[in-house]
Protein backbone atom coordinates (compact mmCIF):
# COMPACT_ATOMS: atom_id res chain seq x y z
CA MET A 1 17.25 -14.54 13.03
CA LYS A 2 18.19 -10.89 13.54
CA LEU A 3 16.50 -8.83 10.79
CA LEU A 4 17.03 -5.10 10.17
CA ILE A 5 14.30 -3.55 8.00
CA THR A 6 14.26 -0.13 6.60
CA GLY A 7 11.77 1.89 4.60
CA GLY A 8 9.46 4.70 4.94
CA GLY A 9 7.99 7.93 3.54
CA THR A 10 4.62 6.30 2.83
CA GLY A 11 2.46 3.42 4.05
CA GLY A 12 3.10 1.50 1.09
CA HIS A 13 6.72 1.04 2.14
CA ILE A 14 5.82 0.59 5.76
CA TYR A 15 2.95 -1.92 5.97
CA PRO A 16 4.53 -4.77 3.99
CA ALA A 17 7.43 -4.51 6.36
CA LEU A 18 5.21 -4.77 9.50
CA ALA A 19 3.17 -7.67 7.85
CA LEU A 20 6.43 -9.47 7.40
CA ILE A 21 7.71 -8.85 11.01
CA ARG A 22 4.23 -10.22 12.25
CA GLU A 23 4.58 -13.37 10.30
CA ILE A 24 8.12 -13.90 11.27
CA LYS A 25 7.29 -13.54 14.95
CA LYS A 26 4.52 -16.25 14.50
CA LYS A 27 7.08 -18.72 12.87
CA ASP A 28 10.09 -17.74 14.93
CA PRO A 29 9.44 -16.09 18.21
CA THR A 30 13.02 -15.76 19.05
CA SER A 31 13.67 -13.55 16.08
CA GLU A 32 14.94 -9.91 16.86
CA PHE A 33 14.17 -6.90 14.79
CA LEU A 34 15.35 -3.33 14.19
CA TYR A 35 13.56 -0.90 12.16
CA VAL A 36 15.35 2.12 10.78
CA GLY A 37 13.50 4.95 9.44
CA THR A 38 13.31 9.01 9.67
CA LYS A 39 12.37 11.11 12.47
CA ASN A 40 9.73 12.92 10.63
CA GLY A 41 8.43 10.17 8.30
CA LEU A 42 5.08 8.27 8.89
CA GLU A 43 7.19 5.33 10.10
CA SER A 44 8.14 7.24 13.15
CA LYS A 45 4.50 7.01 14.37
CA ILE A 46 3.50 3.68 13.02
CA VAL A 47 6.46 1.45 13.88
CA PRO A 48 6.96 2.32 17.55
CA ALA A 49 3.13 1.85 18.01
CA GLU A 50 3.90 -1.76 17.08
CA ASN A 51 6.43 -2.32 19.84
CA ILE A 52 9.29 -2.74 17.32
CA PRO A 53 12.69 -1.24 18.23
CA PHE A 54 12.97 1.83 16.08
CA GLN A 55 15.97 4.04 15.34
CA THR A 56 16.27 6.95 12.77
CA ILE A 57 18.78 8.59 10.53
CA GLU A 58 18.71 12.06 8.95
CA ILE A 59 18.40 11.94 5.08
CA GLN A 60 16.50 13.44 2.23
CA GLY A 61 15.66 12.23 -1.17
CA PHE A 62 17.78 13.06 -4.41
CA LYS A 63 15.97 15.51 -6.71
CA ARG A 64 15.68 14.41 -10.55
CA SER A 65 17.33 17.59 -11.48
CA LEU A 66 20.54 19.22 -10.27
CA SER A 67 20.13 22.21 -7.86
CA LEU A 68 21.92 23.77 -4.91
CA ASP A 69 19.81 21.39 -2.67
CA THR A 70 21.75 18.45 -4.25
CA LEU A 71 24.95 19.18 -2.21
CA LYS A 72 22.96 19.03 1.11
CA THR A 73 21.38 15.94 -0.16
CA LEU A 74 24.71 14.21 -0.89
CA SER A 75 26.24 15.48 2.39
CA LEU A 76 23.38 14.16 4.36
CA PHE A 77 23.66 10.79 2.48
CA ILE A 78 27.30 10.43 3.39
CA LYS A 79 26.71 11.26 6.98
CA SER A 80 23.72 8.81 7.15
CA LEU A 81 25.92 6.04 5.88
CA LYS A 82 28.29 6.45 8.75
CA VAL A 83 25.43 6.46 11.18
CA ALA A 84 23.81 3.44 9.38
CA LYS A 85 26.93 1.51 9.61
CA LYS A 86 27.22 2.14 13.38
CA MET A 87 23.68 0.83 13.71
CA ILE A 88 24.37 -2.23 11.78
CA LYS A 89 27.53 -3.02 13.66
CA LYS A 90 25.92 -2.76 16.96
CA PHE A 91 22.70 -4.68 16.05
CA GLN A 92 24.74 -7.39 13.91
CA PRO A 93 21.70 -8.40 11.63
CA ASP A 94 21.74 -11.57 9.70
CA VAL A 95 20.16 -9.70 6.82
CA VAL A 96 19.00 -6.22 5.95
CA LEU A 97 15.65 -5.57 3.99
CA GLY A 98 14.81 -2.48 2.36
CA THR A 99 11.20 -1.83 1.47
CA GLY A 100 11.72 1.46 -0.47
CA GLY A 101 11.78 5.22 0.38
CA TYR A 102 15.06 7.20 0.32
CA VAL A 103 15.85 6.29 4.04
CA SER A 104 16.48 2.64 2.88
CA SER A 105 19.18 3.71 0.32
CA ALA A 106 21.63 4.66 2.71
CA VAL A 107 20.94 1.68 5.20
CA VAL A 108 20.90 -1.02 2.58
CA TYR A 109 23.96 0.42 0.81
CA ALA A 110 25.77 0.68 4.38
CA ALA A 111 24.91 -3.15 4.89
CA TYR A 112 26.34 -3.92 1.45
CA LYS A 113 29.52 -2.10 2.15
CA LEU A 114 29.76 -4.09 5.45
CA GLY A 115 29.19 -7.45 3.90
CA ILE A 116 25.77 -8.04 5.21
CA PRO A 117 23.36 -10.04 3.22
CA THR A 118 20.79 -7.60 1.62
CA VAL A 119 17.32 -7.84 0.07
CA ILE A 120 15.05 -5.02 -1.42
CA HIS A 121 11.18 -5.41 -1.81
CA GLU A 122 9.67 -3.49 -4.50
CA GLN A 123 5.90 -3.20 -4.16
CA ASN A 124 4.89 -1.31 -7.53
CA SER A 125 5.08 -2.26 -11.18
CA VAL A 126 7.61 0.33 -11.78
CA PRO A 127 10.34 0.91 -9.10
CA GLY A 128 11.38 4.14 -7.71
CA MET A 129 14.89 5.72 -7.75
CA THR A 130 16.00 4.08 -4.46
CA ASN A 131 15.39 0.49 -5.58
CA LYS A 132 16.84 1.01 -8.91
CA PHE A 133 19.91 2.34 -7.41
CA LEU A 134 20.18 -0.36 -4.76
CA ALA A 135 19.41 -3.23 -7.39
CA ARG A 136 23.07 -3.24 -8.46
CA TYR A 137 24.34 -3.96 -4.92
CA VAL A 138 21.87 -6.35 -3.07
CA ASP A 139 21.82 -9.92 -3.18
CA LYS A 140 18.13 -10.26 -4.05
CA VAL A 141 15.13 -8.33 -5.38
CA ALA A 142 11.65 -9.29 -4.27
CA ILE A 143 8.81 -8.02 -6.50
CA CYS A 144 5.01 -7.99 -6.28
CA PHE A 145 4.16 -7.64 -9.99
CA SER A 146 5.95 -9.56 -12.76
CA ASP A 147 6.10 -6.44 -14.73
CA ALA A 148 8.67 -5.08 -12.45
CA ALA A 149 11.11 -7.75 -13.33
CA GLN A 150 12.32 -5.91 -16.47
CA TYR A 151 13.86 -3.15 -14.22
CA PHE A 152 16.21 -5.44 -12.32
CA PRO A 153 19.08 -7.87 -13.03
CA LYS A 154 17.24 -10.99 -13.92
CA GLU A 155 19.31 -13.23 -11.76
CA LYS A 156 18.38 -11.46 -8.58
CA VAL A 157 14.65 -11.31 -9.14
CA VAL A 158 12.13 -13.29 -6.98
CA LEU A 159 8.35 -12.95 -7.28
CA THR A 160 7.20 -12.95 -3.71
CA GLY A 161 4.06 -10.63 -3.72
CA ASN A 162 3.07 -8.17 -0.94
CA PRO A 163 3.28 -9.53 2.72
CA ARG A 164 0.17 -7.39 3.39
CA ALA A 165 -1.84 -9.86 1.26
CA GLN A 166 -1.30 -12.57 3.77
CA GLU A 167 -2.56 -10.72 6.53
CA VAL A 168 -6.05 -10.11 5.04
CA TYR A 169 -6.23 -13.38 3.25
CA GLY A 170 -9.13 -15.52 4.51
CA ILE A 171 -10.83 -13.03 6.71
CA PRO A 172 -14.34 -14.17 7.15
CA GLN A 173 -17.46 -12.30 6.48
CA SER A 174 -19.05 -10.61 9.64
CA ALA A 175 -21.52 -7.81 10.38
CA VAL A 176 -18.79 -5.20 10.85
CA ILE A 177 -20.72 -2.95 8.26
CA LYS A 178 -23.33 -2.51 11.10
CA ASN A 179 -20.70 -0.44 13.03
CA TYR A 180 -21.06 2.15 10.30
CA GLN A 181 -24.71 2.53 10.69
CA LEU A 182 -25.31 0.40 7.44
CA ASP A 183 -27.18 -2.91 6.69
CA PRO A 184 -24.76 -5.92 6.52
CA ALA A 185 -27.26 -7.71 4.46
CA LYS A 186 -27.21 -5.00 1.80
CA PRO A 187 -24.67 -4.67 -1.15
CA THR A 188 -22.03 -2.15 0.03
CA VAL A 189 -19.92 -0.01 -2.08
CA LEU A 190 -16.58 1.35 -0.27
CA ILE A 191 -15.17 4.57 -1.69
CA PHE A 192 -11.86 5.32 -0.16
CA GLY A 193 -9.10 7.57 -1.25
CA GLY A 194 -6.31 6.61 1.01
CA SER A 195 -5.61 7.65 4.58
CA ARG A 196 -5.37 11.31 3.71
CA GLY A 197 -8.25 11.11 1.01
CA ALA A 198 -8.10 12.36 -2.49
CA ALA A 199 -9.49 15.73 -3.68
CA LYS A 200 -10.69 14.50 -6.95
CA ILE A 201 -12.61 11.48 -5.66
CA ASN A 202 -14.01 13.57 -2.98
CA GLN A 203 -15.26 15.98 -5.46
CA ALA A 204 -17.09 13.22 -7.69
CA VAL A 205 -18.55 11.93 -4.50
CA LYS A 206 -20.03 15.40 -3.57
CA GLU A 207 -21.40 15.67 -7.21
CA ALA A 208 -22.93 12.15 -6.87
CA ILE A 209 -24.17 12.22 -3.28
CA THR A 210 -28.04 12.99 -4.29
CA GLU A 211 -28.08 10.26 -6.94
CA PHE A 212 -26.50 7.78 -4.46
CA THR A 213 -29.19 8.15 -2.14
CA THR A 214 -31.70 6.63 -4.62
CA LYS A 215 -29.76 3.40 -5.15
CA ASN A 216 -30.48 0.03 -3.82
CA TYR A 217 -27.08 -0.44 -2.75
CA GLN A 218 -25.25 1.53 0.12
CA ILE A 219 -22.21 3.68 0.39
CA LEU A 220 -19.46 3.65 2.95
CA TYR A 221 -17.40 6.68 2.04
CA ALA A 222 -14.20 7.49 3.72
CA SER A 223 -13.18 11.05 2.82
CA GLY A 224 -9.78 11.39 4.53
CA GLU A 225 -9.39 13.23 7.80
CA ILE A 226 -8.18 16.65 6.29
CA TYR A 227 -11.29 16.74 4.05
CA TYR A 228 -13.95 15.37 6.58
CA GLU A 229 -15.22 18.48 8.35
CA LYS A 230 -15.60 20.50 5.13
CA ILE A 231 -17.47 17.61 3.37
CA GLN A 232 -19.77 17.02 6.32
CA MET A 233 -20.76 20.76 6.23
CA GLU A 234 -21.22 20.68 2.45
CA LEU A 235 -23.39 17.56 2.46
CA LYS A 236 -25.28 18.18 5.61
CA GLU A 237 -28.53 18.41 3.92
CA GLN A 238 -28.21 15.61 1.57
CA LEU A 239 -27.16 13.33 4.27
CA ARG A 240 -29.78 14.40 6.80
CA HIS A 241 -32.20 11.82 5.49
CA ALA A 242 -29.97 9.30 3.63
CA GLN A 243 -30.20 5.84 5.05
CA ASN A 244 -27.90 4.17 2.77
CA ILE A 245 -24.80 6.56 2.95
CA THR A 246 -22.27 6.74 5.71
CA VAL A 247 -19.45 9.40 5.60
CA ILE A 248 -16.46 8.97 7.92
CA PRO A 249 -12.88 10.35 7.85
CA TYR A 250 -10.94 7.15 8.18
CA ILE A 251 -11.43 3.27 8.43
CA SER A 252 -9.26 1.76 11.18
CA ASP A 253 -10.52 -1.77 10.72
CA MET A 254 -9.91 -1.74 7.07
CA GLU A 255 -9.37 -5.45 6.76
CA GLN A 256 -12.72 -6.40 8.20
CA VAL A 257 -14.65 -3.92 6.23
CA LEU A 258 -12.89 -5.05 2.93
CA ALA A 259 -14.00 -8.58 3.55
CA ASN A 260 -17.57 -7.51 3.81
CA VAL A 261 -18.23 -5.10 0.89
CA THR A 262 -19.19 -5.87 -2.70
CA LEU A 263 -17.20 -3.32 -4.62
CA ILE A 264 -14.34 -0.86 -3.82
CA VAL A 265 -13.57 2.48 -5.36
CA GLY A 266 -10.18 3.77 -4.77
CA ARG A 267 -6.64 4.46 -5.67
CA ALA A 268 -4.20 1.95 -7.03
CA GLY A 269 -1.42 1.88 -4.48
CA ALA A 270 0.56 -1.47 -3.96
CA THR A 271 -0.92 -2.08 -0.40
CA SER A 272 -4.42 -1.64 -1.59
CA LEU A 273 -4.04 -3.87 -4.63
CA ALA A 274 -2.58 -6.48 -2.41
CA GLU A 275 -5.60 -6.43 -0.17
CA ILE A 276 -7.88 -6.40 -3.10
CA THR A 277 -6.42 -9.31 -4.68
CA ALA A 278 -6.04 -11.42 -1.49
CA LEU A 279 -9.72 -11.08 -0.95
CA GLY A 280 -10.95 -11.26 -4.42
CA LEU A 281 -12.65 -7.89 -4.34
CA PRO A 282 -13.93 -6.30 -7.68
CA SER A 283 -12.78 -2.76 -7.94
CA ILE A 284 -12.99 0.46 -9.75
CA LEU A 285 -9.36 1.89 -9.63
CA ILE A 286 -8.58 5.64 -9.98
CA PRO A 287 -4.75 5.86 -9.99
CA SER A 288 -3.28 9.07 -8.54
CA PRO A 289 -1.53 11.23 -10.98
CA ASN A 290 0.79 12.46 -8.36
CA VAL A 291 3.02 9.54 -8.01
CA THR A 292 6.52 8.84 -9.42
CA ASN A 293 6.47 7.32 -12.87
CA ASP A 294 2.79 7.14 -12.84
CA HIS A 295 3.28 3.77 -11.11
CA GLN A 296 -0.32 3.50 -9.86
CA THR A 297 -1.75 3.42 -13.36
CA LYS A 298 0.78 0.61 -14.17
CA ASN A 299 -0.30 -1.24 -10.97
CA ALA A 300 -3.94 -0.92 -11.96
CA GLN A 301 -3.25 -2.06 -15.49
CA ASN A 302 -2.22 -5.58 -14.02
CA LEU A 303 -5.79 -6.05 -12.99
CA VAL A 304 -7.50 -4.11 -15.76
CA LYS A 305 -6.00 -6.17 -18.52
CA ASN A 306 -7.31 -9.39 -17.37
CA GLY A 307 -10.83 -8.05 -16.53
CA ALA A 308 -10.44 -8.03 -12.70
CA ALA A 309 -10.82 -4.25 -12.43
CA VAL A 310 -12.22 -1.17 -14.31
CA MET A 311 -9.83 2.00 -14.34
CA LEU A 312 -11.07 5.69 -14.51
CA LYS A 313 -8.67 8.40 -15.03
CA ASP A 314 -8.39 10.97 -12.29
CA GLY A 315 -8.40 13.91 -14.84
CA GLU A 316 -11.68 12.58 -16.29
CA LEU A 317 -13.59 11.70 -13.07
CA SER A 318 -16.94 13.31 -12.35
CA GLY A 319 -19.88 12.42 -10.29
CA GLU A 320 -21.80 11.37 -13.35
CA LEU A 321 -19.08 9.04 -14.44
CA LEU A 322 -18.58 7.57 -10.94
CA VAL A 323 -22.42 6.78 -10.50
CA THR A 324 -22.57 5.34 -14.06
CA THR A 325 -19.46 3.08 -13.50
CA ILE A 326 -20.62 1.87 -10.31
CA ASP A 327 -24.26 1.19 -11.49
CA GLU A 328 -22.85 -0.87 -14.39
CA LEU A 329 -21.11 -3.22 -12.02
CA MET A 330 -23.66 -3.37 -9.28
CA ASP A 331 -26.35 -4.10 -11.68
CA ASP A 332 -24.73 -7.12 -13.06
CA PRO A 333 -23.97 -9.70 -10.26
CA SER A 334 -22.42 -12.02 -12.91
CA LYS A 335 -19.78 -9.46 -13.94
CA LEU A 336 -19.01 -8.78 -10.27
CA HIS A 337 -18.63 -12.51 -9.70
CA SER A 338 -16.31 -12.94 -12.69
CA MET A 339 -14.20 -9.96 -11.53
CA ALA A 340 -13.87 -11.31 -8.06
CA LYS A 341 -12.72 -14.71 -9.47
CA ILE A 342 -10.14 -13.15 -11.60
CA THR A 343 -8.93 -10.70 -9.02
CA LYS A 344 -8.29 -13.54 -6.50
CA GLU A 345 -6.40 -15.57 -8.94
CA ALA A 346 -4.10 -12.51 -9.41
CA GLY A 347 -3.11 -12.58 -5.78
CA ILE A 348 -0.36 -14.02 -3.89
CA PRO A 349 -1.94 -14.97 -0.45
CA ASP A 350 1.48 -16.50 0.90
CA ALA A 351 3.49 -13.29 0.03
CA ALA A 352 4.91 -13.19 3.73
CA ASP A 353 5.85 -16.75 3.57
CA ARG A 354 7.72 -16.30 0.26
CA LEU A 355 9.53 -13.23 1.43
CA TYR A 356 10.56 -14.89 4.61
CA GLU A 357 11.89 -17.86 2.81
CA LEU A 358 13.90 -15.64 0.60
CA VAL A 359 15.35 -13.88 3.52
CA LYS A 360 16.29 -17.08 5.13
CA THR A 361 17.91 -18.32 2.08
CA ILE A 362 20.48 -15.63 1.71
CA THR A 363 21.52 -15.92 5.33
CA ASN A 364 22.60 -19.32 4.93
C-alpha cells in the first residue's frame, strides 16, 4: 500500500497519523508513505524525526470573517492545489488520508480532483473548518467520538477511534516514576497542561504547592518548557524540602508515565483522551478555552457524563479548587476504581487497526 498522509498545526493532528503509520509498518513492511505538511508547522520537526518522507506546501488557514488577508489565503490555496497535485501524481498513492489542520484541505481536495480515494480523520467531538469542508468530497469520514457523526454525511461516517490509543493500550506498570525522584509505590497525581504548558493550570499549582507538600500522595507536575524557569524560581523555597513533588518542563516518556500514575489533571485534547481511555485512567479535565468551537469541553463531556472524569472550568480554576477536587478523588479509592473502569470502557484500543481496515477497504 502507498499511503499519503497530510495534517498538521497541532500534535492532535500529527500523532494519530504517526501512530497509524507505525501500526501499518508492523502489518505490512512493504508499505510506502509520504507525509505532506507545512514548512513552519510542528509536523516539520516531528515527522522527519520519525524517518518518514516529508514534503511541504505553503498555505494558511481561512479566517472566519472576510478581510484583505482572505485574498492572500485564497491565492495560496489555489497555488497549493497545483503543488499538491504534482506531489500526488509523482507519489501515486493508493489512498490519501487527512488528519486535520488547514494543510490537509488542499492535499485531500487535490486527491479528490484526481480521483484518488480519500479519508479524513476527525479526532474531536466537534470538527474544525477543514474537515467540515472536506466531508462533502471524501469517500469516508473516520471519527473518534460518536457525537461527531452529526456533523458529517451519515453514509460516510465510520467510528474508528484515535490510533494513538492502540500505542499506549496494555503498557505494563513499571518503576518509571523513580526516574522523576518520586516513590513508585506511592499514589501519584500527574498535572500536565500540554507540551507548551497552560498558564491557568500553572497558576493554580503555584497557589496550591504549599498544601500539596502535606499530602500522602505525590505530585508529578509538567509546567511546559516556556514556563519552567520562572516557576522554578517562584517555587524555589517551597520545593526545597518537598519530598513528594517534582516539577519538570516536559515528559518525553509520557506513555510509560501515564501507565504508572493514579490520577491525571490536564486539558481535554483528543490525543490526551485517547491515551486516558486506553489506559483506563481517572482524570480531572480542564478544557482549554482557546480552541475552535470549544471542542475540548465537548470532548470532556463524553467522559464526564458517564462518571469517568471530573471537569473543572478554566475560568473558575484556583489552587483551592484544584486541591479540593484532587483530595475528593484521592481520598476515595472506590471512586477512583469506578472511574477507571468506566474510562476504559469508553476507549477504543484497536483504533489503529480500525482505521487501517477502513483505508484498505476504499482502495479495493
